[in-house]
C-alpha cells in the first residue's frame, strides 16, 4: 500500500466549503480522480484552470499537500480570472513517495495505476477549462517507456485544446513539463507551441528505438 504523507492547510484564498474531490470508493480512497478547488467569491474570477500533475498524494477536501498548496498559490497569483482549479493526474493512484508509484506500475502495469475513471474525468475537465497547465514532471523512477506511453495517451486528449495549453516557464530539455512542486511564483505560464516537444513517445516508437539500439 503506498504511503500517504502529511497534509497542510489550503491557500488562504481557497473557499474550503466549495472543494470537491472525486475518490475511489474503497475504504482507503486509494485513487483520487480529480480535486476541484474554488477561490472565494470575486466577480472578476470566472474561469476554470485545469492542472495535469503526475499522481495524487494526501490532499483532499479539507487539507492540501505541498504540491497542491503551491499550485493554488501560483494560479491565484498568475491567473487573475481563475475561479476554480481542476487538479488532474496522469495516474490516479495516491502515493506520496514516487518510488511507491514506480513500484506499483512495475508490478501491476500502467492501467492499474491510472484507474478506471481517470480518462473520462480528464476529458470532461479539459473540455470545460479556459487554461490548461501541464505539470507532471520527470519519471521519478517509473520505467521511461511506460511513463511516456501514459503521457502519449494523455497528449492525444490534449490535442483538441492546444490553444489553451501552457507550462510554467520553459519545458526543460528532458521534455517533461516542470512539476507543480517546482513552480516558482516568478515564472510565467508559457504557451506550448508544439505538443510533440513533450516527452510522449508511443509504445510503437519505443519498440522501434529498442530495435534500433539492439542493431547497433
C-alpha atoms as a PDB file:
ATOM      1  CA  UNK A   1       0.000   0.000   0.000  1.00  0.00           C
ATOM      2  CA  UNK A   2       1.553   3.388  -1.000  1.00  0.00           C
ATOM      3  CA  UNK A   3       2.364   5.736   1.853  1.00  0.00           C
ATOM      4  CA  UNK A   4       0.281   8.902   2.118  1.00  0.00           C
ATOM      5  CA  UNK A   5       2.246  11.827   3.550  1.00  0.00           C
ATOM      6  CA  UNK A   6       1.373  14.757   5.746  1.00  0.00           C
ATOM      7  CA  UNK A   7      -1.222  17.394   4.977  1.00  0.00           C
ATOM      8  CA  UNK A   8      -1.014  21.177   5.261  1.00  0.00           C
ATOM      9  CA  UNK A   9      -3.566  23.992   5.080  1.00  0.00           C
ATOM     10  CA  UNK A  10      -5.004  25.091   1.760  1.00  0.00           C
ATOM     11  CA  UNK A  11      -4.061  28.551   0.464  1.00  0.00           C
ATOM     12  CA  UNK A  12      -5.760  31.387   2.320  1.00  0.00           C
ATOM     13  CA  UNK A  13      -7.763  32.374  -0.784  1.00  0.00           C
ATOM     14  CA  UNK A  14      -9.402  28.953  -1.150  1.00  0.00           C
ATOM     15  CA  UNK A  15     -13.068  28.549  -0.222  1.00  0.00           C
ATOM     16  CA  UNK A  16     -12.900  25.420   1.924  1.00  0.00           C
ATOM     17  CA  UNK A  17     -16.657  24.900   1.726  1.00  0.00           C
ATOM     18  CA  UNK A  18     -16.519  24.557  -2.059  1.00  0.00           C
ATOM     19  CA  UNK A  19     -13.733  21.991  -2.535  1.00  0.00           C
ATOM     20  CA  UNK A  20     -14.901  18.852  -4.339  1.00  0.00           C
ATOM     21  CA  UNK A  21     -12.886  15.648  -4.589  1.00  0.00           C
ATOM     22  CA  UNK A  22     -13.597  12.512  -6.602  1.00  0.00           C
ATOM     23  CA  UNK A  23     -12.103   9.458  -4.891  1.00  0.00           C
ATOM     24  CA  UNK A  24     -12.433   5.737  -5.480  1.00  0.00           C
ATOM     25  CA  UNK A  25     -14.991   4.040  -3.257  1.00  0.00           C
ATOM     26  CA  UNK A  26     -12.634   1.668  -1.418  1.00  0.00           C
ATOM     27  CA  UNK A  27     -12.102   2.234   2.299  1.00  0.00           C
ATOM     28  CA  UNK A  28      -8.639   3.732   1.836  1.00  0.00           C
ATOM     29  CA  UNK A  29      -9.719   6.010  -1.042  1.00  0.00           C
ATOM     30  CA  UNK A  30      -6.686   4.708  -2.934  1.00  0.00           C
ATOM     31  CA  UNK A  31      -7.416   6.666  -6.108  1.00  0.00           C
ATOM     32  CA  UNK A  32      -8.174  10.364  -6.489  1.00  0.00           C
ATOM     33  CA  UNK A  33      -9.506  11.179  -9.928  1.00  0.00           C
ATOM     34  CA  UNK A  34      -9.938  14.909  -9.516  1.00  0.00           C
ATOM     35  CA  UNK A  35      -9.790  17.699  -6.969  1.00  0.00           C
ATOM     36  CA  UNK A  36     -11.800  20.848  -7.691  1.00  0.00           C
ATOM     37  CA  UNK A  37     -10.627  23.845  -5.684  1.00  0.00           C
ATOM     38  CA  UNK A  38     -12.539  27.141  -5.671  1.00  0.00           C
ATOM     39  CA  UNK A  39     -11.288  30.537  -4.641  1.00  0.00           C
ATOM     40  CA  UNK A  40     -13.501  32.767  -2.549  1.00  0.00           C
ATOM     41  CA  UNK A  41     -16.077  34.734  -4.499  1.00  0.00           C
ATOM     42  CA  UNK A  42     -14.820  37.544  -6.700  1.00  0.00           C
ATOM     43  CA  UNK A  43     -16.920  38.783  -9.608  1.00  0.00           C
ATOM     44  CA  UNK A  44     -13.849  39.105 -11.822  1.00  0.00           C
ATOM     45  CA  UNK A  45     -12.967  35.451 -11.289  1.00  0.00           C
ATOM     46  CA  UNK A  46     -14.957  33.283 -13.670  1.00  0.00           C
ATOM     47  CA  UNK A  47     -12.534  30.814 -15.295  1.00  0.00           C
ATOM     48  CA  UNK A  48     -11.557  27.182 -14.782  1.00  0.00           C
ATOM     49  CA  UNK A  49      -7.846  26.311 -14.841  1.00  0.00           C
ATOM     50  CA  UNK A  50      -7.005  22.620 -15.299  1.00  0.00           C
ATOM     51  CA  UNK A  51      -3.654  21.413 -13.951  1.00  0.00           C
ATOM     52  CA  UNK A  52      -2.335  17.990 -15.023  1.00  0.00           C
ATOM     53  CA  UNK A  53       0.114  16.559 -12.485  1.00  0.00           C
ATOM     54  CA  UNK A  54       1.737  13.126 -12.147  1.00  0.00           C
ATOM     55  CA  UNK A  55      -0.317  11.479  -9.381  1.00  0.00           C
ATOM     56  CA  UNK A  56      -2.192  12.491  -6.220  1.00  0.00           C
ATOM     57  CA  UNK A  57      -0.758  12.491  -2.730  1.00  0.00           C
ATOM     58  CA  UNK A  58      -2.502  13.430   0.506  1.00  0.00           C
ATOM     59  CA  UNK A  59      -4.634  16.464  -0.478  1.00  0.00           C
ATOM     60  CA  UNK A  60      -8.384  16.152  -0.017  1.00  0.00           C
ATOM     61  CA  UNK A  61     -11.482  18.274   0.637  1.00  0.00           C
ATOM     62  CA  UNK A  62     -10.157  19.632   3.937  1.00  0.00           C
ATOM     63  CA  UNK A  63      -6.379  19.820   3.638  1.00  0.00           C
ATOM     64  CA  UNK A  64      -3.716  20.348   0.963  1.00  0.00           C
ATOM     65  CA  UNK A  65      -0.254  18.884   0.479  1.00  0.00           C
ATOM     66  CA  UNK A  66       2.900  20.733  -0.562  1.00  0.00           C
ATOM     67  CA  UNK A  67       2.262  20.392  -4.306  1.00  0.00           C
ATOM     68  CA  UNK A  68      -1.393  21.409  -4.201  1.00  0.00           C
ATOM     69  CA  UNK A  69      -0.642  24.372  -1.951  1.00  0.00           C
ATOM     70  CA  UNK A  70       1.978  25.687  -4.400  1.00  0.00           C
ATOM     71  CA  UNK A  71      -0.353  25.158  -7.368  1.00  0.00           C
ATOM     72  CA  UNK A  72      -3.173  27.023  -5.615  1.00  0.00           C
ATOM     73  CA  UNK A  73      -0.984  29.999  -4.810  1.00  0.00           C
ATOM     74  CA  UNK A  74       0.552  30.124  -8.291  1.00  0.00           C
ATOM     75  CA  UNK A  75      -2.806  30.017 -10.082  1.00  0.00           C
ATOM     76  CA  UNK A  76      -4.296  32.649  -7.790  1.00  0.00           C
ATOM     77  CA  UNK A  77      -1.364  34.998  -8.404  1.00  0.00           C
ATOM     78  CA  UNK A  78      -0.869  34.357 -12.129  1.00  0.00           C
ATOM     79  CA  UNK A  79      -4.436  33.896 -13.372  1.00  0.00           C
ATOM     80  CA  UNK A  80      -6.484  36.830 -12.083  1.00  0.00           C
ATOM     81  CA  UNK A  81      -9.678  35.433 -13.600  1.00  0.00           C
ATOM     82  CA  UNK A  82      -9.240  31.935 -12.163  1.00  0.00           C
ATOM     83  CA  UNK A  83     -12.308  30.970 -10.131  1.00  0.00           C
ATOM     84  CA  UNK A  84     -11.598  27.248  -9.856  1.00  0.00           C
ATOM     85  CA  UNK A  85      -8.750  24.769 -10.315  1.00  0.00           C
ATOM     86  CA  UNK A  86      -9.366  21.257 -11.618  1.00  0.00           C
ATOM     87  CA  UNK A  87      -6.452  19.149 -10.396  1.00  0.00           C
ATOM     88  CA  UNK A  88      -5.971  16.123 -12.680  1.00  0.00           C
ATOM     89  CA  UNK A  89      -3.242  13.484 -12.889  1.00  0.00           C
ATOM     90  CA  UNK A  90      -1.618  11.098 -15.339  1.00  0.00           C
ATOM     91  CA  UNK A  91      -2.085   8.390 -12.726  1.00  0.00           C
ATOM     92  CA  UNK A  92      -4.886   8.382 -10.153  1.00  0.00           C
ATOM     93  CA  UNK A  93      -3.143   6.187  -7.576  1.00  0.00           C
ATOM     94  CA  UNK A  94      -2.403   8.165  -4.403  1.00  0.00           C
ATOM     95  CA  UNK A  95       1.233   7.919  -3.315  1.00  0.00           C
ATOM     96  CA  UNK A  96       3.479  10.490  -1.664  1.00  0.00           C
ATOM     97  CA  UNK A  97       6.711   8.640  -2.412  1.00  0.00           C
ATOM     98  CA  UNK A  98       7.438   8.416  -6.121  1.00  0.00           C
ATOM     99  CA  UNK A  99       9.120   5.069  -5.517  1.00  0.00           C
ATOM    100  CA  UNK A 100       5.780   3.612  -4.390  1.00  0.00           C
ATOM    101  CA  UNK A 101       4.105   4.692  -7.626  1.00  0.00           C
ATOM    102  CA  UNK A 102       7.022   3.338  -9.667  1.00  0.00           C
ATOM    103  CA  UNK A 103       6.862   0.005  -7.836  1.00  0.00           C
ATOM    104  CA  UNK A 104       3.098  -0.273  -8.339  1.00  0.00           C
ATOM    105  CA  UNK A 105       3.451   0.368 -12.078  1.00  0.00           C
ATOM    106  CA  UNK A 106       6.297  -2.151 -12.338  1.00  0.00           C
ATOM    107  CA  UNK A 107       4.250  -4.817 -10.517  1.00  0.00           C
ATOM    108  CA  UNK A 108       0.750  -4.145 -11.862  1.00  0.00           C
ATOM    109  CA  UNK A 109       1.098  -2.057 -15.027  1.00  0.00           C
ATOM    110  CA  UNK A 110       0.014   1.387 -16.168  1.00  0.00           C
ATOM    111  CA  UNK A 111      -3.704   0.647 -16.262  1.00  0.00           C
ATOM    112  CA  UNK A 112      -3.758  -0.332 -12.601  1.00  0.00           C
ATOM    113  CA  UNK A 113      -2.160   2.983 -11.572  1.00  0.00           C
ATOM    114  CA  UNK A 114      -4.283   5.049 -13.958  1.00  0.00           C
ATOM    115  CA  UNK A 115      -7.622   3.992 -12.517  1.00  0.00           C
ATOM    116  CA  UNK A 116     -10.821   3.126 -14.334  1.00  0.00           C
ATOM    117  CA  UNK A 117     -12.420   6.601 -14.254  1.00  0.00           C
ATOM    118  CA  UNK A 118      -9.397   8.793 -14.851  1.00  0.00           C
ATOM    119  CA  UNK A 119      -9.516   9.312 -18.616  1.00  0.00           C
ATOM    120  CA  UNK A 120     -13.225  10.205 -18.679  1.00  0.00           C
ATOM    121  CA  UNK A 121     -12.779  12.766 -15.907  1.00  0.00           C
ATOM    122  CA  UNK A 122      -9.684  14.260 -17.547  1.00  0.00           C
ATOM    123  CA  UNK A 123     -11.523  14.621 -20.863  1.00  0.00           C
ATOM    124  CA  UNK A 124     -14.527  16.302 -19.229  1.00  0.00           C
ATOM    125  CA  UNK A 125     -12.453  18.844 -17.304  1.00  0.00           C
ATOM    126  CA  UNK A 126     -10.281  19.635 -20.328  1.00  0.00           C
ATOM    127  CA  UNK A 127     -13.421  20.385 -22.341  1.00  0.00           C
ATOM    128  CA  UNK A 128     -14.635  22.857 -19.717  1.00  0.00           C
ATOM    129  CA  UNK A 129     -11.339  24.569 -18.929  1.00  0.00           C
ATOM    130  CA  UNK A 130     -10.193  28.027 -20.029  1.00  0.00           C
ATOM    131  CA  UNK A 131      -6.494  27.283 -19.403  1.00  0.00           C
ATOM    132  CA  UNK A 132      -4.569  24.007 -19.091  1.00  0.00           C
ATOM    133  CA  UNK A 133      -1.266  23.800 -17.205  1.00  0.00           C
ATOM    134  CA  UNK A 134       0.933  20.742 -17.707  1.00  0.00           C
ATOM    135  CA  UNK A 135       2.924  19.817 -14.609  1.00  0.00           C
ATOM    136  CA  UNK A 136       3.712  16.107 -14.415  1.00  0.00           C
ATOM    137  CA  UNK A 137       7.493  16.370 -14.097  1.00  0.00           C
ATOM    138  CA  UNK A 138      10.131  13.704 -14.788  1.00  0.00           C
ATOM    139  CA  UNK A 139       9.895   9.925 -14.472  1.00  0.00           C
ATOM    140  CA  UNK A 140      10.756   9.728 -10.740  1.00  0.00           C
ATOM    141  CA  UNK A 141      11.853   6.121 -11.111  1.00  0.00           C
ATOM    142  CA  UNK A 142       8.989   4.972 -13.354  1.00  0.00           C
ATOM    143  CA  UNK A 143      10.065   2.967 -16.381  1.00  0.00           C
ATOM    144  CA  UNK A 144      10.610   5.548 -19.134  1.00  0.00           C
ATOM    145  CA  UNK A 145       8.754   3.588 -21.849  1.00  0.00           C
ATOM    146  CA  UNK A 146       5.745   3.074 -19.559  1.00  0.00           C
ATOM    147  CA  UNK A 147       5.779   6.683 -18.395  1.00  0.00           C
ATOM    148  CA  UNK A 148       5.935   8.015 -21.927  1.00  0.00           C
ATOM    149  CA  UNK A 149       3.241   5.587 -23.045  1.00  0.00           C
ATOM    150  CA  UNK A 150       0.910   7.157 -20.489  1.00  0.00           C
ATOM    151  CA  UNK A 151       1.965  10.686 -21.451  1.00  0.00           C
ATOM    152  CA  UNK A 152       1.339   9.811 -25.098  1.00  0.00           C
ATOM    153  CA  UNK A 153      -2.240   8.772 -24.261  1.00  0.00           C
ATOM    154  CA  UNK A 154      -2.914  11.984 -22.340  1.00  0.00           C
ATOM    155  CA  UNK A 155      -1.377  14.147 -25.089  1.00  0.00           C
ATOM    156  CA  UNK A 156      -3.932  12.693 -27.509  1.00  0.00           C
ATOM    157  CA  UNK A 157      -6.670  14.019 -25.208  1.00  0.00           C
ATOM    158  CA  UNK A 158      -4.898  17.378 -25.065  1.00  0.00           C
ATOM    159  CA  UNK A 159      -4.590  17.896 -28.828  1.00  0.00           C
ATOM    160  CA  UNK A 160      -8.063  19.425 -29.377  1.00  0.00           C
ATOM    161  CA  UNK A 161      -7.229  22.026 -26.715  1.00  0.00           C
ATOM    162  CA  UNK A 162      -3.744  23.004 -27.945  1.00  0.00           C
ATOM    163  CA  UNK A 163      -4.511  26.730 -27.976  1.00  0.00           C
ATOM    164  CA  UNK A 164      -5.145  26.686 -24.208  1.00  0.00           C
ATOM    165  CA  UNK A 165      -2.146  24.645 -23.057  1.00  0.00           C
ATOM    166  CA  UNK A 166       0.705  26.155 -21.047  1.00  0.00           C
ATOM    167  CA  UNK A 167       3.647  25.158 -18.899  1.00  0.00           C
ATOM    168  CA  UNK A 168       5.219  27.118 -16.070  1.00  0.00           C
ATOM    169  CA  UNK A 169       8.412  28.590 -17.534  1.00  0.00           C
ATOM    170  CA  UNK A 170      10.085  26.749 -20.404  1.00  0.00           C
ATOM    171  CA  UNK A 171       9.840  22.980 -20.767  1.00  0.00           C
ATOM    172  CA  UNK A 172      13.203  21.567 -19.585  1.00  0.00           C
ATOM    173  CA  UNK A 173      15.434  19.800 -22.085  1.00  0.00           C
ATOM    174  CA  UNK A 174      14.130  16.485 -20.727  1.00  0.00           C
ATOM    175  CA  UNK A 175      10.826  17.231 -22.440  1.00  0.00           C
ATOM    176  CA  UNK A 176       8.866  16.744 -19.214  1.00  0.00           C
ATOM    177  CA  UNK A 177       6.915  19.827 -18.036  1.00  0.00           C
ATOM    178  CA  UNK A 178       8.108  21.246 -14.722  1.00  0.00           C
ATOM    179  CA  UNK A 179       6.340  19.563 -11.802  1.00  0.00           C
ATOM    180  CA  UNK A 180       3.948  21.737  -9.803  1.00  0.00           C
ATOM    181  CA  UNK A 181       6.058  21.412  -6.673  1.00  0.00           C
ATOM    182  CA  UNK A 182       8.933  23.040  -8.610  1.00  0.00           C
ATOM    183  CA  UNK A 183       6.963  26.050  -9.803  1.00  0.00           C
ATOM    184  CA  UNK A 184       8.337  29.478  -8.938  1.00  0.00           C
ATOM    185  CA  UNK A 185       5.773  32.234  -8.484  1.00  0.00           C
ATOM    186  CA  UNK A 186       8.029  34.475 -10.578  1.00  0.00           C
ATOM    187  CA  UNK A 187       7.913  32.148 -13.607  1.00  0.00           C
ATOM    188  CA  UNK A 188       5.327  32.992 -16.286  1.00  0.00           C
ATOM    189  CA  UNK A 189       2.941  30.463 -17.784  1.00  0.00           C
ATOM    190  CA  UNK A 190       4.135  29.981 -21.369  1.00  0.00           C
ATOM    191  CA  UNK A 191       2.088  28.590 -24.296  1.00  0.00           C
ATOM    192  CA  UNK A 192       3.069  25.166 -25.568  1.00  0.00           C
ATOM    193  CA  UNK A 193       3.568  25.749 -29.279  1.00  0.00           C
ATOM    194  CA  UNK A 194       4.136  22.117 -30.242  1.00  0.00           C
ATOM    195  CA  UNK A 195       2.827  19.156 -28.271  1.00  0.00           C
ATOM    196  CA  UNK A 196       5.427  16.930 -29.912  1.00  0.00           C
ATOM    197  CA  UNK A 197       8.021  18.754 -27.795  1.00  0.00           C
ATOM    198  CA  UNK A 198       6.671  16.864 -24.777  1.00  0.00           C
ATOM    199  CA  UNK A 199       8.257  13.521 -23.932  1.00  0.00           C
ATOM    200  CA  UNK A 200       5.368  11.456 -25.247  1.00  0.00           C
ATOM    201  CA  UNK A 201       6.579   8.536 -27.320  1.00  0.00           C
ATOM    202  CA  UNK A 202       4.047   5.855 -28.163  1.00  0.00           C
ATOM    203  CA  UNK A 203       4.673   2.155 -27.391  1.00  0.00           C
ATOM    204  CA  UNK A 204       5.418   1.576 -31.089  1.00  0.00           C
ATOM    205  CA  UNK A 205       8.057   4.322 -31.091  1.00  0.00           C
ATOM    206  CA  UNK A 206       9.730   2.807 -28.032  1.00  0.00           C
ATOM    207  CA  UNK A 207       9.799  -0.590 -29.749  1.00  0.00           C
ATOM    208  CA  UNK A 208      11.422   0.989 -32.805  1.00  0.00           C
ATOM    209  CA  UNK A 209      14.059   2.701 -30.647  1.00  0.00           C
ATOM    210  CA  UNK A 210      14.789  -0.534 -28.770  1.00  0.00           C
ATOM    211  CA  UNK A 211      15.143  -2.426 -32.050  1.00  0.00           C
ATOM    212  CA  UNK A 212      17.441   0.240 -33.475  1.00  0.00           C
ATOM    213  CA  UNK A 213      19.622   0.253 -30.381  1.00  0.00           C
ATOM    214  CA  UNK A 214      19.753  -3.541 -30.499  1.00  0.00           C
ATOM    215  CA  UNK A 215      21.071  -3.436 -34.057  1.00  0.00           C
ATOM    216  CA  UNK A 216      23.900  -1.046 -33.274  1.00  0.00           C
END
